[in-house]
Protein backbone atom coordinates (compact mmCIF):
# COMPACT_ATOMS: atom_id res chain seq x y z
CA MET A 1 97.05 90.82 121.59
CA ILE A 2 98.74 87.60 122.64
CA LEU A 3 101.56 87.18 125.15
CA ARG A 4 104.00 84.38 124.30
CA GLU A 5 107.07 83.20 126.15
CA LYS A 6 110.10 82.85 123.89
CA GLU A 7 112.57 80.08 124.66
CA ASN A 8 114.62 79.99 121.46
CA GLN A 9 117.85 81.98 121.68
CA GLU A 10 118.37 82.39 117.94
CA GLU A 11 114.85 83.73 117.35
CA TRP A 12 115.14 86.08 120.34
CA ASP A 13 118.52 87.45 119.24
CA VAL A 14 117.26 88.08 115.70
CA LEU A 15 114.22 89.94 117.02
CA VAL A 16 116.19 92.05 119.53
CA SER A 17 118.86 92.93 116.96
CA SER A 18 116.17 94.10 114.52
CA VAL A 19 115.07 96.85 116.94
CA ALA A 20 117.42 99.84 116.81
CA HIS A 21 116.52 101.13 120.29
CA ALA A 22 116.76 97.77 122.12
CA THR A 23 119.61 97.76 124.65
CA PHE A 24 121.98 95.01 125.75
CA LEU A 25 119.68 94.58 128.76
CA GLN A 26 117.28 92.76 126.44
CA SER A 27 119.95 90.47 124.96
CA TRP A 28 119.84 86.73 125.56
CA ALA A 29 123.45 86.81 126.79
CA TRP A 30 122.68 89.39 129.48
CA GLY A 31 119.71 87.32 130.62
CA GLU A 32 121.91 84.24 130.84
CA GLY A 33 124.33 86.22 132.97
CA GLN A 34 121.48 87.05 135.33
CA ALA A 35 120.45 83.39 135.38
CA ALA A 36 124.02 82.45 136.31
CA LEU A 37 123.58 84.69 139.36
CA GLY A 38 120.59 82.56 140.37
CA LYS A 39 117.84 84.81 139.05
CA GLU A 40 114.88 83.49 137.09
CA VAL A 41 114.69 84.93 133.56
CA LYS A 42 111.74 84.88 131.16
CA ARG A 43 111.45 86.39 127.71
CA PHE A 44 108.12 87.49 126.30
CA ILE A 45 106.75 88.70 123.00
CA VAL A 46 103.44 90.51 122.67
CA GLU A 47 101.94 89.72 119.28
CA GLU A 48 99.10 91.31 117.39
CA ASN A 49 97.80 89.73 114.18
CA GLY A 50 100.79 87.38 114.17
CA GLU A 51 103.37 90.19 114.34
CA ALA A 52 105.60 91.07 117.28
CA ARG A 53 104.68 94.43 118.84
CA PHE A 54 106.64 94.39 122.11
CA ILE A 55 109.46 92.32 123.57
CA ALA A 56 110.41 92.07 127.23
CA GLN A 57 113.09 90.15 129.07
CA ALA A 58 111.90 89.87 132.67
CA ILE A 59 114.16 89.17 135.64
CA LYS A 60 112.83 87.91 138.97
CA GLU A 61 114.30 89.74 141.95
CA THR A 62 113.88 88.95 145.63
CA ARG A 63 114.47 91.65 148.21
CA LYS A 64 113.75 91.34 151.92
CA GLY A 65 111.64 88.25 151.31
CA LEU A 66 109.50 89.87 148.60
CA ALA A 67 109.72 88.71 145.00
CA TYR A 68 108.93 90.81 141.95
CA TRP A 69 109.62 90.84 138.21
CA PHE A 70 111.18 93.74 136.39
CA VAL A 71 112.07 94.47 132.77
CA PRO A 72 115.31 96.45 132.57
CA GLY A 73 115.55 98.54 129.43
CA GLY A 74 112.05 97.62 128.34
CA PRO A 75 109.56 96.56 127.33
CA VAL A 76 110.71 97.45 123.85
CA GLY A 77 108.28 98.39 121.10
CA VAL A 78 108.73 96.64 117.78
CA GLY A 79 107.58 98.05 114.46
CA LYS A 80 105.10 100.93 114.55
CA TYR A 81 105.00 101.10 118.37
């Protein structure tokens, strides 16, 4: 399996919209809203044999001086997962 960061909004939106159980928390627009609040946002795809298996939009949070990443509403399985 390969982990890739996705930086293309159109490709991300197409992939997220193709998964029936993906929530708005994985949408590019929601991530941009988080970024507007000053949070770092990264979007990842886990691929196997060239096909997406999981997607995850990760948000960096800082609380009491500690930083961590979380994936609200995910990661989301794509296809047979």
